[in-house]
């Protein structure tokens, strides 16, 4: 049986959820390049926020806090995937397979180009140009300085323009971000944080 405070927090969290889930899922999608992973990461991030909702609701910028959680989870996911790929590559190293790299000048897919960027550059570029965040808000979300955001964004955009062979990168990034599906993970999260049920302690 939830308390009045818990009920109020639940209503407040659900409003935050409805307002920011789509944005957080798109952010995760651009950072990882995987739509299913993006849905799960957004749901996992929101569940983590729910468990520390007292701290989140008291933050000066709750949305920036949420973006930072997604970015950290995406970074961890990518590192884990890279380690797994390395283990697989080592296992199959004796099997000679030709894996020619595509011509860099011919790369036209935004997602493929983003995946080629180091994570910090990718995160800065995505937040600045796909989500139109200010340099200050991007720095806040990633826990870095504004100067770092400026330099990493500039370098990242230069690399993307080289990879894509065009200067219209921000517009193409906007077009590449589709509305996320409502995944089973999201439905599960909604059920676990149902209004009137109180929070897990």
N, C-alpha and C. Protein backbone atom coordinates (compact mmCIF):
# COMPACT_ATOMS: atom_id res chain seq x y z
N UNK A 1 0.86 -1.19 0.00
CA UNK A 1 0.00 0.00 0.00
C UNK A 1 0.89 1.23 0.00
N UNK A 2 0.83 2.05 -1.01
CA UNK A 2 1.71 3.20 -1.10
C UNK A 2 1.26 4.34 -0.20
N UNK A 3 2.24 5.10 0.26
CA UNK A 3 1.92 6.28 1.07
C UNK A 3 1.52 7.42 0.15
N UNK A 4 1.04 8.53 0.76
CA UNK A 4 0.68 9.70 -0.03
C UNK A 4 1.89 10.22 -0.78
N UNK A 5 3.06 10.21 -0.08
CA UNK A 5 4.29 10.68 -0.71
C UNK A 5 4.66 9.78 -1.88
N UNK A 6 4.55 8.45 -1.65
CA UNK A 6 4.88 7.52 -2.72
C UNK A 6 3.95 7.68 -3.92
N UNK A 7 2.67 7.88 -3.64
CA UNK A 7 1.71 8.06 -4.73
C UNK A 7 2.03 9.32 -5.53
N UNK A 8 2.37 10.38 -4.83
CA UNK A 8 2.71 11.63 -5.51
C UNK A 8 3.97 11.45 -6.35
N UNK A 9 4.96 10.74 -5.79
CA UNK A 9 6.19 10.48 -6.52
C UNK A 9 5.92 9.63 -7.75
N UNK A 10 5.02 8.64 -7.62
CA UNK A 10 4.68 7.78 -8.74
C UNK A 10 4.06 8.58 -9.87
N UNK A 11 3.13 9.47 -9.54
CA UNK A 11 2.49 10.31 -10.55
C UNK A 11 3.53 11.20 -11.22
N UNK A 12 4.42 11.76 -10.41
CA UNK A 12 5.46 12.65 -10.94
C UNK A 12 6.41 11.88 -11.86
N UNK A 13 6.79 10.66 -11.44
CA UNK A 13 7.69 9.87 -12.27
C UNK A 13 7.04 9.48 -13.58
N UNK A 14 5.76 9.09 -13.54
CA UNK A 14 5.08 8.70 -14.77
C UNK A 14 4.99 9.88 -15.74
N UNK A 15 4.83 11.07 -15.24
CA UNK A 15 4.82 12.25 -16.11
C UNK A 15 6.19 12.43 -16.75
N UNK A 16 7.25 12.24 -15.96
CA UNK A 16 8.61 12.33 -16.48
C UNK A 16 8.86 11.25 -17.52
N UNK A 17 8.38 10.05 -17.22
CA UNK A 17 8.52 8.92 -18.13
C UNK A 17 7.89 9.23 -19.49
N UNK A 18 6.65 9.66 -19.48
CA UNK A 18 5.94 9.94 -20.73
C UNK A 18 6.59 11.08 -21.50
N UNK A 19 7.17 12.02 -20.78
CA UNK A 19 7.78 13.19 -21.43
C UNK A 19 9.14 12.87 -22.03
N UNK A 20 9.88 11.94 -21.43
CA UNK A 20 11.28 11.77 -21.83
C UNK A 20 11.65 10.40 -22.39
N UNK A 21 10.75 9.40 -22.29
CA UNK A 21 11.14 8.07 -22.76
C UNK A 21 11.56 8.07 -24.23
N UNK A 22 10.75 8.68 -25.09
CA UNK A 22 11.06 8.66 -26.53
C UNK A 22 12.42 9.30 -26.80
N UNK A 23 12.69 10.41 -26.14
CA UNK A 23 13.97 11.10 -26.33
C UNK A 23 15.13 10.22 -25.87
N UNK A 24 14.98 9.59 -24.71
CA UNK A 24 16.05 8.75 -24.18
C UNK A 24 16.28 7.52 -25.06
N UNK A 25 15.23 6.97 -25.61
CA UNK A 25 15.38 5.82 -26.50
C UNK A 25 16.08 6.22 -27.79
N UNK A 26 15.74 7.39 -28.33
CA UNK A 26 16.42 7.86 -29.55
C UNK A 26 17.89 8.13 -29.27
N UNK A 27 18.18 8.69 -28.09
CA UNK A 27 19.57 8.93 -27.71
C UNK A 27 20.33 7.61 -27.65
N UNK A 28 19.76 6.62 -26.98
CA UNK A 28 20.40 5.32 -26.88
C UNK A 28 20.59 4.69 -28.26
N UNK A 29 19.61 4.90 -29.14
CA UNK A 29 19.70 4.34 -30.49
C UNK A 29 20.87 4.94 -31.27
N UNK A 30 21.03 6.25 -31.18
CA UNK A 30 22.12 6.89 -31.90
C UNK A 30 23.47 6.54 -31.30
N UNK A 31 23.52 6.29 -30.00
CA UNK A 31 24.78 5.96 -29.35
C UNK A 31 25.19 4.51 -29.60
N UNK A 32 24.22 3.61 -29.69
CA UNK A 32 24.53 2.19 -29.86
C UNK A 32 24.31 1.69 -31.27
N UNK A 33 23.40 2.33 -32.02
CA UNK A 33 23.08 1.88 -33.37
C UNK A 33 22.17 0.67 -33.41
N UNK A 34 21.59 0.30 -32.26
CA UNK A 34 20.73 -0.89 -32.20
C UNK A 34 19.38 -0.52 -31.61
N UNK A 35 18.31 -0.68 -32.39
CA UNK A 35 16.99 -0.25 -31.94
C UNK A 35 16.49 -1.04 -30.74
N UNK A 36 16.69 -2.37 -30.75
CA UNK A 36 16.24 -3.17 -29.61
C UNK A 36 17.03 -2.82 -28.35
N UNK A 37 18.33 -2.64 -28.52
CA UNK A 37 19.16 -2.24 -27.39
C UNK A 37 18.73 -0.88 -26.86
N UNK A 38 18.37 0.01 -27.77
CA UNK A 38 17.97 1.35 -27.37
C UNK A 38 16.73 1.31 -26.48
N UNK A 39 15.73 0.51 -26.87
CA UNK A 39 14.53 0.38 -26.06
C UNK A 39 14.86 -0.12 -24.67
N UNK A 40 15.71 -1.15 -24.61
CA UNK A 40 16.07 -1.74 -23.32
C UNK A 40 16.89 -0.76 -22.47
N UNK A 41 17.82 -0.07 -23.11
CA UNK A 41 18.64 0.88 -22.36
C UNK A 41 17.80 2.01 -21.78
N UNK A 42 16.87 2.51 -22.57
CA UNK A 42 16.00 3.59 -22.08
C UNK A 42 15.17 3.10 -20.91
N UNK A 43 14.63 1.89 -21.03
CA UNK A 43 13.83 1.33 -19.95
C UNK A 43 14.68 1.09 -18.70
N UNK A 44 15.89 0.55 -18.90
CA UNK A 44 16.78 0.30 -17.77
C UNK A 44 17.17 1.61 -17.08
N UNK A 45 17.44 2.63 -17.89
CA UNK A 45 17.81 3.92 -17.33
C UNK A 45 16.66 4.51 -16.51
N UNK A 46 15.45 4.42 -17.05
CA UNK A 46 14.30 4.96 -16.33
C UNK A 46 14.01 4.16 -15.06
N UNK A 47 14.25 2.87 -15.10
CA UNK A 47 14.07 2.07 -13.89
C UNK A 47 15.09 2.49 -12.83
N UNK A 48 16.33 2.72 -13.27
CA UNK A 48 17.36 3.19 -12.35
C UNK A 48 16.97 4.55 -11.75
N UNK A 49 16.41 5.42 -12.60
CA UNK A 49 15.96 6.73 -12.11
C UNK A 49 14.83 6.58 -11.10
N UNK A 50 13.95 5.62 -11.34
CA UNK A 50 12.84 5.39 -10.43
C UNK A 50 13.34 4.99 -9.04
N UNK A 51 14.37 4.13 -9.01
CA UNK A 51 14.91 3.66 -7.74
C UNK A 51 15.60 4.78 -6.96
N UNK A 52 16.03 5.84 -7.67
CA UNK A 52 16.66 6.96 -6.97
C UNK A 52 15.89 8.26 -7.24
N UNK A 53 14.57 8.10 -7.36
CA UNK A 53 13.75 9.23 -7.78
C UNK A 53 13.84 10.43 -6.83
N UNK A 54 14.00 10.19 -5.54
CA UNK A 54 14.14 11.31 -4.60
C UNK A 54 15.32 12.21 -4.99
N UNK A 55 16.42 11.56 -5.39
CA UNK A 55 17.60 12.32 -5.80
C UNK A 55 17.39 13.00 -7.15
N UNK A 56 16.75 12.28 -8.07
CA UNK A 56 16.54 12.82 -9.41
C UNK A 56 15.60 14.03 -9.37
N UNK A 57 14.50 13.91 -8.66
CA UNK A 57 13.52 14.99 -8.62
C UNK A 57 14.07 16.24 -7.96
N UNK A 58 15.11 16.07 -7.10
CA UNK A 58 15.73 17.21 -6.43
C UNK A 58 16.86 17.83 -7.25
N UNK A 59 17.23 17.17 -8.35
CA UNK A 59 18.32 17.68 -9.18
C UNK A 59 17.90 18.95 -9.91
N UNK A 60 18.89 19.79 -10.22
CA UNK A 60 18.60 21.03 -10.95
C UNK A 60 18.11 20.73 -12.36
N UNK A 61 18.64 19.67 -12.95
CA UNK A 61 18.30 19.33 -14.34
C UNK A 61 18.03 17.83 -14.44
N UNK A 62 16.85 17.37 -14.05
CA UNK A 62 16.54 15.94 -14.08
C UNK A 62 16.72 15.30 -15.45
N UNK A 63 16.35 16.03 -16.52
CA UNK A 63 16.48 15.46 -17.87
C UNK A 63 17.94 15.24 -18.23
N UNK A 64 18.80 16.17 -17.84
CA UNK A 64 20.24 16.01 -18.10
C UNK A 64 20.78 14.83 -17.31
N UNK A 65 20.30 14.68 -16.10
CA UNK A 65 20.69 13.53 -15.26
C UNK A 65 20.32 12.23 -15.99
N UNK A 66 19.11 12.20 -16.54
CA UNK A 66 18.64 11.01 -17.25
C UNK A 66 19.49 10.73 -18.49
N UNK A 67 19.82 11.77 -19.23
CA UNK A 67 20.66 11.58 -20.43
C UNK A 67 22.02 11.03 -20.04
N UNK A 68 22.56 11.50 -18.92
CA UNK A 68 23.84 11.00 -18.45
C UNK A 68 23.78 9.52 -18.10
N UNK A 69 22.68 9.10 -17.49
CA UNK A 69 22.51 7.68 -17.16
C UNK A 69 22.47 6.84 -18.43
N UNK A 70 21.73 7.30 -19.43
CA UNK A 70 21.66 6.58 -20.70
C UNK A 70 23.03 6.51 -21.36
N UNK A 71 23.75 7.63 -21.36
CA UNK A 71 25.08 7.65 -21.99
C UNK A 71 26.03 6.68 -21.29
N UNK A 72 25.98 6.65 -19.97
CA UNK A 72 26.85 5.72 -19.23
C UNK A 72 26.49 4.27 -19.52
N UNK A 73 25.19 3.98 -19.57
CA UNK A 73 24.77 2.61 -19.86
C UNK A 73 25.15 2.22 -21.29
N UNK A 74 25.03 3.16 -22.22
CA UNK A 74 25.39 2.88 -23.61
C UNK A 74 26.89 2.61 -23.71
N UNK A 75 27.69 3.40 -23.00
CA UNK A 75 29.14 3.20 -23.02
C UNK A 75 29.50 1.81 -22.49
N UNK A 76 28.88 1.42 -21.39
CA UNK A 76 29.13 0.10 -20.81
C UNK A 76 28.72 -1.01 -21.78
N UNK A 77 27.57 -0.83 -22.41
CA UNK A 77 27.07 -1.82 -23.36
C UNK A 77 28.04 -1.98 -24.54
N UNK A 78 28.51 -0.85 -25.05
CA UNK A 78 29.42 -0.88 -26.20
C UNK A 78 30.73 -1.56 -25.82
N UNK A 79 31.27 -1.23 -24.64
CA UNK A 79 32.53 -1.86 -24.21
C UNK A 79 32.37 -3.36 -24.07
N UNK A 80 31.22 -3.77 -23.54
CA UNK A 80 30.95 -5.20 -23.38
C UNK A 80 30.87 -5.89 -24.74
N UNK A 81 30.20 -5.23 -25.69
CA UNK A 81 30.07 -5.79 -27.04
C UNK A 81 31.42 -5.89 -27.73
N UNK A 82 32.27 -4.87 -27.52
CA UNK A 82 33.60 -4.89 -28.13
C UNK A 82 34.42 -6.04 -27.57
N UNK A 83 34.36 -6.25 -26.24
CA UNK A 83 35.09 -7.36 -25.64
C UNK A 83 34.61 -8.69 -26.19
N UNK A 84 33.28 -8.82 -26.35
CA UNK A 84 32.73 -10.06 -26.87
C UNK A 84 33.18 -10.30 -28.30
N UNK A 85 33.17 -9.23 -29.12
CA UNK A 85 33.63 -9.37 -30.50
C UNK A 85 35.09 -9.79 -30.56
N UNK A 86 35.89 -9.24 -29.63
CA UNK A 86 37.30 -9.60 -29.62
C UNK A 86 37.49 -11.06 -29.24
N UNK A 87 36.68 -11.55 -28.29
CA UNK A 87 36.78 -12.96 -27.91
C UNK A 87 36.41 -13.86 -29.09
N UNK A 88 35.35 -13.47 -29.80
CA UNK A 88 34.93 -14.26 -30.96
C UNK A 88 35.99 -14.23 -32.05
N UNK A 89 36.54 -13.04 -32.28
CA UNK A 89 37.58 -12.91 -33.32
C UNK A 89 38.79 -13.75 -32.97
N UNK A 90 39.16 -13.79 -31.68
CA UNK A 90 40.30 -14.59 -31.25
C UNK A 90 40.01 -16.07 -31.47
N UNK A 91 38.78 -16.48 -31.16
CA UNK A 91 38.38 -17.88 -31.31
C UNK A 91 38.47 -18.32 -32.76
N UNK A 92 38.08 -17.42 -33.67
CA UNK A 92 38.04 -17.77 -35.09
C UNK A 92 39.27 -17.26 -35.85
N UNK A 93 40.29 -16.85 -35.10
CA UNK A 93 41.44 -16.20 -35.75
C UNK A 93 42.17 -17.10 -36.74
N UNK A 94 42.07 -18.41 -36.53
CA UNK A 94 42.77 -19.33 -37.43
C UNK A 94 42.00 -19.54 -38.73
N UNK A 95 40.76 -19.06 -38.76
CA UNK A 95 39.99 -19.18 -40.00
C UNK A 95 40.14 -17.90 -40.79
N UNK A 96 40.88 -17.96 -41.86
CA UNK A 96 41.14 -16.77 -42.66
C UNK A 96 39.87 -16.37 -43.40
N UNK A 97 39.41 -15.19 -43.07
CA UNK A 97 38.24 -14.66 -43.77
C UNK A 97 38.57 -13.27 -44.28
N UNK A 98 38.20 -13.03 -45.52
CA UNK A 98 38.46 -11.71 -46.08
C UNK A 98 37.39 -10.75 -45.59
N UNK A 99 37.83 -9.71 -44.88
CA UNK A 99 36.89 -8.71 -44.37
C UNK A 99 37.38 -7.34 -44.84
N UNK A 100 37.14 -7.08 -46.08
CA UNK A 100 37.58 -5.81 -46.64
C UNK A 100 36.75 -4.68 -46.06
N UNK A 101 37.45 -3.63 -45.68
CA UNK A 101 36.75 -2.45 -45.17
C UNK A 101 36.12 -1.71 -46.33
N UNK A 102 34.90 -1.21 -46.14
CA UNK A 102 34.27 -0.46 -47.21
C UNK A 102 35.01 0.84 -47.46
N UNK A 103 34.90 1.31 -48.66
CA UNK A 103 35.51 2.58 -49.01
C UNK A 103 34.92 3.68 -48.15
N UNK A 104 35.79 4.35 -47.38
CA UNK A 104 35.30 5.37 -46.45
C UNK A 104 34.52 6.45 -47.18
N UNK A 105 35.00 6.82 -48.36
CA UNK A 105 34.32 7.88 -49.11
C UNK A 105 32.93 7.45 -49.55
N UNK A 106 32.70 6.13 -49.60
CA UNK A 106 31.40 5.65 -50.06
C UNK A 106 30.40 5.40 -48.95
N UNK A 107 30.79 5.64 -47.70
CA UNK A 107 29.87 5.40 -46.59
C UNK A 107 28.80 6.49 -46.58
N UNK A 108 27.54 6.09 -46.68
CA UNK A 108 26.46 7.08 -46.74
C UNK A 108 25.46 6.90 -45.60
N UNK A 109 25.61 5.86 -44.83
CA UNK A 109 24.67 5.60 -43.75
C UNK A 109 25.10 6.32 -42.48
N UNK A 110 24.22 7.13 -41.93
CA UNK A 110 24.55 7.92 -40.75
C UNK A 110 24.89 7.03 -39.57
N UNK A 111 24.10 5.97 -39.36
CA UNK A 111 24.36 5.09 -38.24
C UNK A 111 25.74 4.44 -38.35
N UNK A 112 26.07 3.99 -39.54
CA UNK A 112 27.38 3.36 -39.73
C UNK A 112 28.49 4.36 -39.46
N UNK A 113 28.31 5.59 -39.92
CA UNK A 113 29.32 6.62 -39.69
C UNK A 113 29.45 6.94 -38.21
N UNK A 114 28.32 7.04 -37.51
CA UNK A 114 28.36 7.33 -36.07
C UNK A 114 29.10 6.24 -35.32
N UNK A 115 28.89 4.99 -35.72
CA UNK A 115 29.55 3.87 -35.03
C UNK A 115 31.06 3.93 -35.17
N UNK A 116 31.54 4.64 -36.18
CA UNK A 116 32.99 4.74 -36.39
C UNK A 116 33.63 5.77 -35.46
N UNK A 117 32.82 6.62 -34.85
CA UNK A 117 33.38 7.64 -33.97
C UNK A 117 33.66 7.07 -32.58
N UNK A 118 34.72 7.55 -31.92
CA UNK A 118 34.92 7.21 -30.51
C UNK A 118 33.70 7.67 -29.72
N UNK A 119 33.43 6.99 -28.60
CA UNK A 119 32.17 7.21 -27.90
C UNK A 119 31.94 8.68 -27.51
N UNK A 120 32.96 9.35 -26.95
CA UNK A 120 32.73 10.72 -26.48
C UNK A 120 32.39 11.65 -27.63
N UNK A 121 33.08 11.50 -28.74
CA UNK A 121 32.76 12.34 -29.91
C UNK A 121 31.34 12.05 -30.38
N UNK A 122 30.99 10.76 -30.43
CA UNK A 122 29.66 10.37 -30.87
C UNK A 122 28.59 10.97 -29.95
N UNK A 123 28.80 10.87 -28.65
CA UNK A 123 27.82 11.40 -27.69
C UNK A 123 27.66 12.90 -27.83
N UNK A 124 28.76 13.61 -27.98
CA UNK A 124 28.69 15.07 -28.14
C UNK A 124 27.96 15.45 -29.42
N UNK A 125 28.31 14.79 -30.51
CA UNK A 125 27.67 15.09 -31.80
C UNK A 125 26.17 14.80 -31.74
N UNK A 126 25.81 13.66 -31.17
CA UNK A 126 24.40 13.28 -31.09
C UNK A 126 23.60 14.27 -30.25
N UNK A 127 24.10 14.60 -29.07
CA UNK A 127 23.36 15.51 -28.20
C UNK A 127 23.28 16.92 -28.77
N UNK A 128 24.36 17.36 -29.41
CA UNK A 128 24.36 18.73 -29.95
C UNK A 128 23.52 18.84 -31.23
N UNK A 129 23.67 17.87 -32.14
CA UNK A 129 23.08 18.05 -33.47
C UNK A 129 21.85 17.20 -33.75
N UNK A 130 21.66 16.09 -33.03
CA UNK A 130 20.43 15.32 -33.22
C UNK A 130 19.37 15.75 -32.21
N UNK A 131 19.83 16.18 -31.01
CA UNK A 131 18.88 16.58 -29.98
C UNK A 131 18.87 18.08 -29.73
N UNK A 132 19.72 18.82 -30.46
CA UNK A 132 19.74 20.28 -30.39
C UNK A 132 19.98 20.81 -28.98
N UNK A 133 20.77 20.10 -28.19
CA UNK A 133 21.10 20.60 -26.87
C UNK A 133 22.19 21.66 -26.97
N UNK A 134 22.20 22.57 -26.02
CA UNK A 134 23.25 23.57 -25.98
C UNK A 134 24.55 22.91 -25.53
N UNK A 135 25.66 23.62 -25.71
CA UNK A 135 26.94 23.09 -25.25
C UNK A 135 26.91 22.87 -23.74
N UNK A 136 26.28 23.78 -23.02
CA UNK A 136 26.19 23.66 -21.57
C UNK A 136 25.38 22.44 -21.15
N UNK A 137 24.24 22.22 -21.80
CA UNK A 137 23.39 21.07 -21.46
C UNK A 137 24.07 19.75 -21.83
N UNK A 138 24.80 19.75 -22.94
CA UNK A 138 25.53 18.55 -23.34
C UNK A 138 26.62 18.23 -22.33
N UNK A 139 27.33 19.27 -21.91
CA UNK A 139 28.38 19.08 -20.90
C UNK A 139 27.79 18.54 -19.60
N UNK A 140 26.62 19.06 -19.24
CA UNK A 140 25.95 18.63 -18.02
C UNK A 140 25.55 17.17 -18.10
N UNK A 141 25.02 16.76 -19.24
CA UNK A 141 24.57 15.37 -19.41
C UNK A 141 25.74 14.40 -19.39
N UNK A 142 26.87 14.79 -19.96
CA UNK A 142 28.01 13.88 -20.08
C UNK A 142 29.03 14.01 -18.96
N UNK A 143 28.85 15.03 -18.12
CA UNK A 143 29.79 15.22 -17.01
C UNK A 143 31.16 15.67 -17.46
N UNK A 144 31.20 16.49 -18.51
CA UNK A 144 32.47 17.02 -19.02
C UNK A 144 32.38 18.53 -19.09
N UNK A 145 33.49 19.17 -19.43
CA UNK A 145 33.49 20.63 -19.53
C UNK A 145 32.90 21.09 -20.86
N UNK A 146 32.48 22.35 -20.89
CA UNK A 146 31.96 22.94 -22.14
C UNK A 146 33.06 22.94 -23.20
N UNK A 147 34.29 23.19 -22.78
CA UNK A 147 35.40 23.17 -23.72
C UNK A 147 35.58 21.80 -24.38
N UNK A 148 35.40 20.76 -23.57
CA UNK A 148 35.50 19.40 -24.12
C UNK A 148 34.39 19.15 -25.12
N UNK A 149 33.18 19.60 -24.80
CA UNK A 149 32.05 19.45 -25.72
C UNK A 149 32.36 20.14 -27.04
N UNK A 150 32.88 21.36 -26.97
CA UNK A 150 33.19 22.12 -28.19
C UNK A 150 34.20 21.38 -29.06
N UNK A 151 35.30 20.94 -28.44
CA UNK A 151 36.36 20.30 -29.22
C UNK A 151 35.92 18.94 -29.76
N UNK A 152 35.25 18.14 -28.91
CA UNK A 152 34.83 16.82 -29.35
C UNK A 152 33.75 16.89 -30.42
N UNK A 153 32.84 17.87 -30.29
CA UNK A 153 31.79 18.04 -31.30
C UNK A 153 32.39 18.46 -32.63
N UNK A 154 33.32 19.41 -32.57
CA UNK A 154 33.96 19.90 -33.79
C UNK A 154 34.72 18.78 -34.50
N UNK A 155 35.49 18.02 -33.73
CA UNK A 155 36.25 16.93 -34.33
C UNK A 155 35.32 15.83 -34.85
N UNK A 156 34.27 15.54 -34.07
CA UNK A 156 33.32 14.50 -34.49
C UNK A 156 32.60 14.88 -35.76
N UNK A 157 32.17 16.13 -35.86
CA UNK A 157 31.48 16.57 -37.07
C UNK A 157 32.40 16.54 -38.28
N UNK A 158 33.65 16.91 -38.06
CA UNK A 158 34.61 16.87 -39.18
C UNK A 158 34.78 15.44 -39.67
N UNK A 159 34.85 14.49 -38.75
CA UNK A 159 35.00 13.09 -39.15
C UNK A 159 33.75 12.58 -39.86
N UNK A 160 32.56 12.97 -39.36
CA UNK A 160 31.32 12.55 -40.00
C UNK A 160 31.21 13.11 -41.41
N UNK A 161 31.58 14.37 -41.57
CA UNK A 161 31.52 14.98 -42.90
C UNK A 161 32.47 14.28 -43.86
N UNK A 162 33.62 13.85 -43.33
CA UNK A 162 34.57 13.12 -44.18
C UNK A 162 34.00 11.75 -44.54
N UNK A 163 33.41 11.09 -43.55
CA UNK A 163 32.87 9.75 -43.79
C UNK A 163 31.66 9.77 -44.72
N UNK A 164 30.80 10.78 -44.54
CA UNK A 164 29.56 10.83 -45.31
C UNK A 164 29.71 11.60 -46.62
N UNK A 165 30.81 12.33 -46.73
CA UNK A 165 31.03 13.08 -47.96
C UNK A 165 30.03 14.17 -48.18
N UNK A 166 29.56 14.78 -47.08
CA UNK A 166 28.57 15.85 -47.20
C UNK A 166 28.67 16.76 -46.00
N UNK A 167 28.17 17.98 -46.14
CA UNK A 167 28.15 18.92 -45.04
C UNK A 167 26.77 18.98 -44.37
N UNK A 168 25.79 18.26 -44.91
CA UNK A 168 24.45 18.29 -44.34
C UNK A 168 24.24 17.24 -43.26
N UNK A 169 25.26 17.04 -42.41
CA UNK A 169 25.20 15.98 -41.41
C UNK A 169 24.09 16.17 -40.39
N UNK A 170 23.92 17.38 -39.80
CA UNK A 170 22.85 17.53 -38.78
C UNK A 170 21.47 17.17 -39.31
N UNK A 171 21.16 17.60 -40.53
CA UNK A 171 19.85 17.30 -41.11
C UNK A 171 19.69 15.79 -41.32
N UNK A 172 20.75 15.14 -41.77
CA UNK A 172 20.68 13.70 -42.01
C UNK A 172 20.56 12.94 -40.69
N UNK A 173 21.16 13.48 -39.64
CA UNK A 173 21.05 12.83 -38.34
C UNK A 173 19.62 12.92 -37.82
N UNK A 174 18.99 14.08 -38.00
CA UNK A 174 17.59 14.23 -37.60
C UNK A 174 16.71 13.21 -38.33
N UNK A 175 16.98 13.05 -39.62
CA UNK A 175 16.17 12.13 -40.42
C UNK A 175 16.40 10.69 -40.00
N UNK A 176 17.59 10.41 -39.47
CA UNK A 176 17.93 9.03 -39.10
C UNK A 176 17.30 8.60 -37.79
N UNK A 177 16.80 9.57 -37.03
CA UNK A 177 16.23 9.24 -35.72
C UNK A 177 14.74 9.01 -35.87
N UNK A 178 14.32 7.77 -35.79
CA UNK A 178 12.90 7.45 -35.89
C UNK A 178 12.28 7.35 -34.52
N UNK A 179 10.96 7.43 -34.45
CA UNK A 179 10.26 7.26 -33.18
C UNK A 179 10.40 5.81 -32.72
N UNK A 180 10.80 5.61 -31.46
CA UNK A 180 11.01 4.25 -30.98
C UNK A 180 9.72 3.49 -30.77
N UNK A 181 9.83 2.17 -30.82
CA UNK A 181 8.68 1.35 -30.51
C UNK A 181 8.49 1.28 -29.01
N UNK A 182 7.34 0.83 -28.57
CA UNK A 182 7.09 0.58 -27.17
C UNK A 182 7.43 -0.88 -26.91
N UNK A 183 8.61 -1.13 -26.37
CA UNK A 183 9.11 -2.49 -26.24
C UNK A 183 8.54 -3.18 -25.01
N UNK A 184 8.70 -4.52 -24.94
CA UNK A 184 8.27 -5.26 -23.74
C UNK A 184 8.93 -4.73 -22.48
N UNK A 185 10.19 -4.27 -22.62
CA UNK A 185 10.89 -3.73 -21.45
C UNK A 185 10.19 -2.50 -20.90
N UNK A 186 9.65 -1.69 -21.83
CA UNK A 186 8.94 -0.49 -21.40
C UNK A 186 7.64 -0.86 -20.71
N UNK A 187 6.91 -1.82 -21.28
CA UNK A 187 5.67 -2.26 -20.65
C UNK A 187 5.93 -2.82 -19.25
N UNK A 188 7.05 -3.55 -19.12
CA UNK A 188 7.41 -4.10 -17.82
C UNK A 188 7.72 -2.99 -16.83
N UNK A 189 8.44 -1.96 -17.32
CA UNK A 189 8.76 -0.83 -16.45
C UNK A 189 7.51 -0.11 -16.00
N UNK A 190 6.58 0.08 -16.92
CA UNK A 190 5.32 0.74 -16.57
C UNK A 190 4.58 -0.05 -15.49
N UNK A 191 4.61 -1.38 -15.63
CA UNK A 191 3.92 -2.21 -14.66
C UNK A 191 4.59 -2.14 -13.29
N UNK A 192 5.92 -2.10 -13.29
CA UNK A 192 6.66 -2.11 -12.03
C UNK A 192 6.57 -0.78 -11.30
N UNK A 193 6.31 0.29 -12.05
CA UNK A 193 6.22 1.61 -11.41
C UNK A 193 4.79 2.14 -11.47
N UNK A 194 3.81 1.23 -11.48
CA UNK A 194 2.41 1.62 -11.61
C UNK A 194 1.98 2.60 -10.54
N UNK A 195 1.16 3.54 -10.90
CA UNK A 195 0.70 4.53 -9.96
C UNK A 195 -0.07 3.87 -8.82
N UNK A 196 0.20 4.33 -7.62
CA UNK A 196 -0.49 3.84 -6.45
C UNK A 196 0.17 2.63 -5.84
N UNK A 197 1.22 2.08 -6.52
CA UNK A 197 1.85 0.87 -6.00
C UNK A 197 3.03 1.12 -5.10
N UNK A 198 3.50 2.37 -5.07
CA UNK A 198 4.67 2.68 -4.27
C UNK A 198 5.92 2.22 -4.99
N UNK A 199 7.08 2.69 -4.48
CA UNK A 199 8.35 2.33 -5.11
C UNK A 199 9.00 1.16 -4.42
N UNK A 200 9.86 0.46 -5.21
CA UNK A 200 10.66 -0.58 -4.62
C UNK A 200 11.69 0.06 -3.72
N UNK A 201 11.89 -0.50 -2.59
CA UNK A 201 12.84 0.08 -1.64
C UNK A 201 14.11 -0.76 -1.59
